[in-house]
Structures are given as C-alpha cells and as structure tokens.
Amino acid sequence: MVRSGYPQAFGAGIVCNAGTLGILIPPSIVMVVYAAATEQSVGKLFMAGVIPGIMLGLVLMIAIYIVARIKKLPALPRASFREWLRSAREAFWGLLLMVIILGGIYTGMFTPTEAAAVAAVYAGFVALFVYKDLTIRECPKVLLESGKLTIMLMFIIANAMLFAHVLTTEQIPQQITAWVVELGLQPWQFLLVVNIVLLVAGAFMEPSAIILILAPILFPIAMQLGIDPIHLGIIMVVNMEIGLITPPVGLNLFVTSAVTGMPLTAVIRAAMPWLMLLLSFLMIITYIPAVSMALPNWLGMS
C-alpha cells in the first residue's frame, strides 16, 4: 500500500483492523473454544459467523473507499477480466480449504477436531506441492513451531478448564445467575454489561483465555434471560476482535508495529478511527440477533 502511494499510517490502520476478521469468519479457533466451553454446536457457530463476517468486511471496504475518496488517495488501475481469472485460479487451492472444512463439518463427514487434522494435511500438501511456499527441509522447523504454539494453547486451555471446574464445584455461576436475576436486569442491559466486561478483558488478555474463563459464567445467565447461546457466542467473538486492536496489549497492534516498523503509539493512533467502526458494528450484532442467527435458522440447524 505504501509503494502504491498510500500513507503509512492509513495502511497500518487498515491492516491492523482487517486482521481481526480471522476469528469471526469460520473456521475460527475462538468459536471452537467457545463451543467447547459451553457445549454448543461448532457447525452452528461457524454458520452464525458467516453473515456478520461478510457484513463487517463490507463495512470496512465501504469505509476505506469513502476515506480514500475524501483524501484523494491514489487508485490502482481497474483489473481486467483476465487478471480476475488469474487471481481466482491462484487463490483457488487456498479458498478450497474453507469449503473442505465447513462442508465436511456440516455434512457430517468429520467432527471439528477431525476437520483440524484434515485442514492441516491439506494445507501442508498445498504449501509443499501446489504453491511450493514450503520445502521438505523446512518441515521440521514448521512442526516445531506448531508444537510450541499448541503447547501454549493447551496450557491455557488446561488451566481455564481447571478454573471452570472450580467454578462449577463451588456453584459460582449459579450464584451469579441468581444474583443477576434478582437484580431484574433486562436482556439488553445484561448484554451491555457483557460487552463492557469483555472489552475491558480483551484489552489485557488473550481471546481464548477470556472465552474459557468468562463463558462458563455468562452462559447460564444468558440462558436464564432467554438469550440464544449462539448469539452470545458471536457477541463474545466480536468483542475478542476488538480486543485484538485495543491498547495496551492488543496483539494486532504489536504485530502491525513489528511489520511496519512504526512506533506502537503511531499504530494505536492509526487504528483508533477503525476501532470506532468496530464498536458500532458490535452494537448491531448485540441488539439485532437476526444478523447472527439468520443463516443457522435458514439451514434448520437446531
């Protein structure tokens, strides 16, 4: 983007925010973690994330287009139909991964856990023999790095599950649920509190850890208030998205700073306008359940 004439701060803000879409558009690890913590359907969560993910992507694209026109930023030449076809052909094998995962889960060919294994094998095959981004010699290093990441995630999950077990044993979720019900909170008020809590937590903690710690507490309260657990899951995922670009420890802020070489404070300033856009989108997702539930309901997923 910088080589094309876009200001560095503008490009950094876009990349930082667009990078959050990965946990909303399936397949999403955060959704799998929520499903495991609340015993909900992974497939239904994936389907519930499709429309919000596409909608958020479109909102960001429209906002970027408007800002670019206002600031009179340079525009690249319109791609020809042949260039479109060439790009589609090059991206085909990568896009097919999503079809395999979602299609396999939805048709019952394999479970979400098995889908992860299938995806890993397929991605490895494509990287080695189709795109050739990876060589056989590099495989041990890739496996080692994958192992390190897996160990880290498993450590977080193990401790979070232990925490959830303690909560359940002490009946803390039930006590909190009873307390909230006694307060007489309306569903919209409860969801507002949930968003505030998650936004604060997202600024300091890793998404999977937040889900594993807070989902067992929030889930029974939401059920008591008549809030669909799948809708609650999407709300939590969108909050986790925002947490990725919220200082002081938003992961995407640090990654963008490292990649662009910009100071962290400059990246934060560049991301803030887009953060406001994500907060507005969060309100839509929170108070219009149909956005999340339309596709699962249409597919008859119960």
Protein backbone atom coordinates (compact mmCIF):
# COMPACT_ATOMS: atom_id res chain seq x y z
CA MET A 1 0.00 0.00 0.00
CA VAL A 2 2.85 2.36 0.81
CA ARG A 3 4.50 1.61 -2.54
CA SER A 4 1.19 2.43 -4.22
CA GLY A 5 1.17 5.87 -2.63
CA TYR A 6 -0.97 5.34 0.47
CA PRO A 7 0.12 7.00 3.73
CA GLN A 8 1.84 4.53 6.03
CA ALA A 9 -0.50 5.29 8.94
CA PHE A 10 -3.56 4.72 6.75
CA GLY A 11 -2.26 1.37 5.55
CA ALA A 12 -1.24 0.29 9.05
CA GLY A 13 -4.68 1.12 10.45
CA ILE A 14 -6.41 -0.88 7.72
CA VAL A 15 -4.16 -3.93 8.06
CA CYS A 16 -4.38 -3.87 11.84
CA ASN A 17 -8.19 -3.86 11.80
CA ALA A 18 -8.73 -6.18 8.85
CA GLY A 19 -6.55 -8.73 10.61
CA THR A 20 -9.24 -9.18 13.25
CA LEU A 21 -11.69 -10.69 10.75
CA GLY A 22 -9.97 -14.05 11.01
CA ILE A 23 -11.63 -15.00 14.30
CA LEU A 24 -15.13 -14.08 13.10
CA ILE A 25 -15.15 -15.71 9.67
CA PRO A 26 -15.13 -19.51 10.00
CA PRO A 27 -13.23 -21.65 10.60
CA SER A 28 -12.36 -19.90 13.86
CA ILE A 29 -10.38 -21.27 16.79
CA VAL A 30 -12.11 -18.85 19.16
CA MET A 31 -15.50 -20.24 18.11
CA VAL A 32 -14.28 -23.77 18.72
CA VAL A 33 -13.09 -22.76 22.18
CA TYR A 34 -16.47 -21.18 22.97
CA ALA A 35 -18.26 -24.28 21.73
CA ALA A 36 -16.09 -26.47 23.95
CA ALA A 37 -16.64 -24.24 26.98
CA THR A 38 -20.43 -24.12 26.59
CA GLU A 39 -21.09 -27.46 24.83
CA GLN A 40 -22.62 -25.78 21.79
CA SER A 41 -22.52 -26.84 18.15
CA VAL A 42 -19.34 -25.78 16.37
CA GLY A 43 -21.04 -26.04 13.00
CA LYS A 44 -23.86 -23.76 14.10
CA LEU A 45 -21.38 -21.24 15.46
CA PHE A 46 -19.47 -21.31 12.20
CA MET A 47 -22.64 -20.68 10.22
CA ALA A 48 -23.63 -17.89 12.62
CA GLY A 49 -20.33 -16.14 11.92
CA VAL A 50 -20.67 -16.11 8.14
CA ILE A 51 -23.09 -13.19 7.71
CA PRO A 52 -21.50 -10.99 10.43
CA GLY A 53 -18.07 -11.68 8.96
CA ILE A 54 -19.13 -10.76 5.43
CA MET A 55 -21.03 -7.74 6.72
CA LEU A 56 -18.05 -6.45 8.69
CA GLY A 57 -15.79 -6.95 5.69
CA LEU A 58 -18.16 -4.95 3.51
CA VAL A 59 -18.46 -2.21 6.12
CA LEU A 60 -14.68 -1.88 6.29
CA MET A 61 -14.37 -1.84 2.50
CA ILE A 62 -17.02 0.85 2.14
CA ALA A 63 -15.44 2.95 4.89
CA ILE A 64 -12.00 2.60 3.31
CA TYR A 65 -13.39 3.59 -0.09
CA ILE A 66 -15.10 6.68 1.34
CA VAL A 67 -11.98 7.79 3.24
CA ALA A 68 -9.79 7.17 0.20
CA ARG A 69 -12.07 9.28 -1.99
CA ILE A 70 -12.24 12.10 0.56
CA LYS A 71 -8.45 12.16 0.96
CA LYS A 72 -7.96 11.72 -2.80
CA LEU A 73 -5.68 8.75 -2.31
CA PRO A 74 -4.29 7.05 -5.43
CA ALA A 75 -6.31 4.34 -7.13
CA LEU A 76 -4.80 1.38 -8.92
CA PRO A 77 -5.89 0.62 -12.50
CA ARG A 78 -9.04 -1.48 -12.70
CA ALA A 79 -8.20 -5.16 -13.09
CA SER A 80 -9.17 -6.79 -16.36
CA PHE A 81 -11.34 -9.89 -16.53
CA ARG A 82 -8.28 -11.95 -17.42
CA GLU A 83 -6.49 -10.69 -14.30
CA TRP A 84 -9.53 -11.58 -12.21
CA LEU A 85 -9.47 -15.10 -13.59
CA ARG A 86 -5.74 -15.45 -12.98
CA SER A 87 -6.11 -14.28 -9.37
CA ALA A 88 -9.06 -16.60 -8.82
CA ARG A 89 -7.07 -19.51 -10.22
CA GLU A 90 -4.13 -18.74 -7.94
CA ALA A 91 -6.37 -18.43 -4.88
CA PHE A 92 -8.49 -21.50 -5.67
CA TRP A 93 -6.49 -24.00 -3.62
CA GLY A 94 -6.43 -21.75 -0.59
CA LEU A 95 -10.14 -20.96 -0.76
CA LEU A 96 -10.92 -24.65 -1.17
CA LEU A 97 -9.68 -25.20 2.38
CA MET A 98 -12.68 -23.34 3.81
CA VAL A 99 -15.04 -25.36 1.63
CA ILE A 100 -13.49 -28.62 2.81
CA ILE A 101 -13.68 -27.68 6.50
CA LEU A 102 -17.18 -26.22 6.53
CA GLY A 103 -18.56 -28.73 4.05
CA GLY A 104 -17.08 -31.65 5.95
CA ILE A 105 -18.41 -30.47 9.31
CA TYR A 106 -21.86 -29.53 8.02
CA THR A 107 -22.34 -32.76 6.05
CA GLY A 108 -21.15 -34.85 8.98
CA MET A 109 -18.13 -36.28 7.17
CA PHE A 110 -15.92 -35.41 10.14
CA THR A 111 -16.03 -33.68 13.51
CA PRO A 112 -14.47 -30.25 14.14
CA THR A 113 -11.45 -31.95 15.71
CA GLU A 114 -11.04 -34.20 12.69
CA ALA A 115 -11.56 -31.16 10.46
CA ALA A 116 -8.49 -29.57 12.04
CA ALA A 117 -6.41 -32.62 11.13
CA VAL A 118 -7.80 -32.69 7.58
CA ALA A 119 -7.10 -28.98 7.22
CA ALA A 120 -3.51 -29.40 8.43
CA VAL A 121 -2.82 -32.22 5.99
CA TYR A 122 -4.45 -30.38 3.10
CA ALA A 123 -2.66 -27.10 3.88
CA GLY A 124 0.67 -28.92 4.10
CA PHE A 125 0.07 -30.64 0.77
CA VAL A 126 -0.88 -27.39 -0.96
CA ALA A 127 2.06 -25.49 0.54
CA LEU A 128 4.52 -28.22 -0.48
CA PHE A 129 3.31 -29.27 -3.91
CA VAL A 130 0.97 -26.56 -5.27
CA TYR A 131 2.18 -23.15 -4.11
CA LYS A 132 5.63 -24.50 -3.16
CA ASP A 133 5.97 -21.93 -0.37
CA LEU A 134 7.33 -24.68 1.86
CA THR A 135 10.12 -27.16 1.27
CA ILE A 136 10.64 -30.60 2.80
CA ARG A 137 13.72 -29.28 4.58
CA GLU A 138 11.66 -26.59 6.31
CA CYS A 139 9.02 -29.03 7.59
CA PRO A 140 10.79 -29.94 10.87
CA LYS A 141 11.07 -26.26 11.80
CA VAL A 142 7.40 -25.69 10.97
CA LEU A 143 6.38 -28.70 13.06
CA LEU A 144 8.50 -27.46 15.96
CA GLU A 145 6.90 -24.00 15.85
CA SER A 146 3.46 -25.59 15.61
CA GLY A 147 4.25 -27.73 18.62
CA LYS A 148 5.30 -24.69 20.64
CA LEU A 149 2.07 -22.89 19.78
CA THR A 150 -0.01 -25.97 20.56
CA ILE A 151 1.66 -26.41 23.95
CA MET A 152 0.98 -22.78 24.81
CA LEU A 153 -2.69 -23.07 23.85
CA MET A 154 -3.10 -26.38 25.65
CA PHE A 155 -1.58 -24.88 28.79
CA ILE A 156 -4.08 -22.01 28.64
CA ILE A 157 -6.97 -24.39 27.99
CA ALA A 158 -5.92 -26.78 30.76
CA ASN A 159 -5.77 -24.02 33.34
CA ALA A 160 -9.00 -22.48 32.13
CA MET A 161 -10.75 -25.86 32.32
CA LEU A 162 -9.44 -26.26 35.87
CA PHE A 163 -10.81 -22.82 36.66
CA ALA A 164 -14.16 -23.77 35.14
CA HIS A 165 -14.21 -26.96 37.22
CA VAL A 166 -13.65 -24.96 40.40
CA LEU A 167 -16.43 -22.55 39.42
CA THR A 168 -18.81 -25.43 38.79
CA THR A 169 -17.89 -27.24 42.00
CA GLU A 170 -18.44 -24.12 44.07
CA GLN A 171 -21.64 -23.32 42.11
CA ILE A 172 -20.38 -19.81 41.45
CA PRO A 173 -22.12 -19.47 38.04
CA GLN A 174 -25.41 -20.47 39.64
CA GLN A 175 -24.95 -17.92 42.42
CA ILE A 176 -24.08 -15.17 39.95
CA THR A 177 -27.07 -16.14 37.81
CA ALA A 178 -29.40 -15.93 40.79
CA TRP A 179 -27.92 -12.56 41.75
CA VAL A 180 -28.36 -11.15 38.24
CA VAL A 181 -31.94 -12.43 38.08
CA GLU A 182 -32.67 -10.80 41.43
CA LEU A 183 -31.35 -7.50 40.09
CA GLY A 184 -34.06 -7.66 37.46
CA LEU A 185 -31.75 -6.86 34.57
CA GLN A 186 -33.37 -6.87 31.17
CA PRO A 187 -31.60 -8.84 28.41
CA TRP A 188 -30.41 -5.65 26.70
CA GLN A 189 -28.96 -4.38 29.97
CA PHE A 190 -27.19 -7.67 30.61
CA LEU A 191 -25.70 -7.66 27.10
CA LEU A 192 -24.47 -4.11 27.64
CA VAL A 193 -22.70 -5.21 30.82
CA VAL A 194 -21.29 -8.24 29.00
CA ASN A 195 -19.85 -6.03 26.27
CA ILE A 196 -18.21 -3.71 28.78
CA VAL A 197 -16.67 -6.61 30.71
CA LEU A 198 -15.41 -8.30 27.55
CA LEU A 199 -13.99 -5.10 26.10
CA VAL A 200 -12.04 -4.46 29.29
CA ALA A 201 -10.84 -8.06 29.48
CA GLY A 202 -9.92 -8.04 25.79
CA ALA A 203 -7.56 -5.15 26.35
CA PHE A 204 -5.43 -7.25 28.71
CA MET A 205 -5.95 -10.94 27.96
CA GLU A 206 -5.74 -13.45 25.12
CA PRO A 207 -9.09 -14.24 23.41
CA SER A 208 -9.14 -17.98 24.09
CA ALA A 209 -8.37 -17.46 27.77
CA ILE A 210 -11.17 -14.90 28.09
CA ILE A 211 -13.66 -17.24 26.44
CA LEU A 212 -12.70 -20.18 28.64
CA ILE A 213 -12.85 -18.13 31.83
CA LEU A 214 -15.94 -15.99 31.22
CA ALA A 215 -18.13 -18.18 29.01
CA PRO A 216 -19.00 -20.65 31.82
CA ILE A 217 -20.09 -17.67 33.94
CA LEU A 218 -22.01 -15.72 31.30
CA PHE A 219 -23.60 -18.71 29.56
CA PRO A 220 -26.06 -19.77 32.32
CA ILE A 221 -27.11 -16.15 32.90
CA ALA A 222 -27.81 -15.68 29.21
CA MET A 223 -29.85 -18.89 29.13
CA GLN A 224 -31.85 -17.71 32.13
CA LEU A 225 -32.61 -14.42 30.36
CA GLY A 226 -33.63 -16.14 27.14
CA ILE A 227 -30.59 -15.11 25.10
CA ASP A 228 -29.60 -17.60 22.42
CA PRO A 229 -26.21 -19.15 23.31
CA ILE A 230 -25.09 -19.00 19.68
CA HIS A 231 -25.91 -15.29 19.57
CA LEU A 232 -23.95 -14.84 22.80
CA GLY A 233 -21.02 -16.67 21.22
CA ILE A 234 -20.90 -14.32 18.24
CA ILE A 235 -21.10 -11.32 20.58
CA MET A 236 -18.13 -12.66 22.52
CA VAL A 237 -16.16 -13.30 19.32
CA VAL A 238 -16.75 -9.74 18.05
CA ASN A 239 -15.61 -8.42 21.42
CA MET A 240 -12.47 -10.52 21.10
CA GLU A 241 -11.90 -8.97 17.68
CA ILE A 242 -11.98 -5.52 19.19
CA GLY A 243 -9.65 -6.66 21.96
CA LEU A 244 -7.01 -7.51 19.36
CA ILE A 245 -6.65 -3.82 18.48
CA THR A 246 -7.30 -2.33 21.92
CA PRO A 247 -4.31 -0.96 23.83
CA PRO A 248 -2.36 -1.66 25.92
CA VAL A 249 -1.81 -5.28 24.85
CA GLY A 250 -3.84 -5.74 21.66
CA LEU A 251 -1.93 -8.41 19.72
CA ASN A 252 -2.58 -6.90 16.28
CA LEU A 253 -1.13 -3.58 17.42
CA PHE A 254 2.20 -5.19 18.25
CA VAL A 255 2.24 -7.31 15.09
CA THR A 256 1.50 -4.29 12.90
CA SER A 257 4.16 -2.27 14.69
CA ALA A 258 6.74 -5.02 14.12
CA VAL A 259 5.85 -5.48 10.45
CA THR A 260 5.68 -1.80 9.53
CA GLY A 261 8.45 -0.55 11.79
CA MET A 262 6.13 2.14 13.14
CA PRO A 263 6.16 3.05 16.85
CA LEU A 264 3.40 1.37 18.81
CA THR A 265 1.84 4.72 19.69
CA ALA A 266 1.62 5.61 16.00
CA VAL A 267 -0.06 2.28 15.22
CA ILE A 268 -2.58 2.87 18.01
CA ARG A 269 -3.44 6.30 16.61
CA ALA A 270 -3.82 4.81 13.13
CA ALA A 271 -6.14 2.06 14.39
CA MET A 272 -8.40 4.21 16.57
CA PRO A 273 -10.77 5.51 13.84
CA TRP A 274 -11.39 1.97 12.67
CA LEU A 275 -11.88 0.84 16.27
CA MET A 276 -14.85 3.19 16.48
CA LEU A 277 -16.29 1.45 13.43
CA LEU A 278 -15.90 -1.95 15.08
CA LEU A 279 -17.63 -0.71 18.22
CA SER A 280 -20.59 0.44 16.13
CA PHE A 281 -20.69 -2.96 14.46
CA LEU A 282 -20.65 -4.61 17.89
CA MET A 283 -23.83 -2.76 18.82
CA ILE A 284 -25.53 -4.05 15.67
CA ILE A 285 -24.50 -7.63 16.39
CA THR A 286 -25.53 -7.33 20.04
CA TYR A 287 -29.01 -5.92 19.57
CA ILE A 288 -30.02 -7.42 16.22
CA PRO A 289 -29.79 -11.19 16.81
CA ALA A 290 -31.11 -11.92 13.32
CA VAL A 291 -27.76 -10.89 11.85
CA SER A 292 -26.11 -13.84 13.57
CA MET A 293 -28.99 -16.29 13.63
CA ALA A 294 -30.42 -15.87 10.12
CA LEU A 295 -28.17 -18.40 8.38
CA PRO A 296 -28.28 -21.14 11.06
CA ASN A 297 -32.07 -20.80 11.26
CA TRP A 298 -32.41 -20.86 7.48
CA LEU A 299 -30.31 -24.03 7.35
CA GLY A 300 -32.53 -25.58 10.02
CA MET A 301 -29.70 -26.06 12.50
CA SER A 302 -31.09 -26.69 15.97
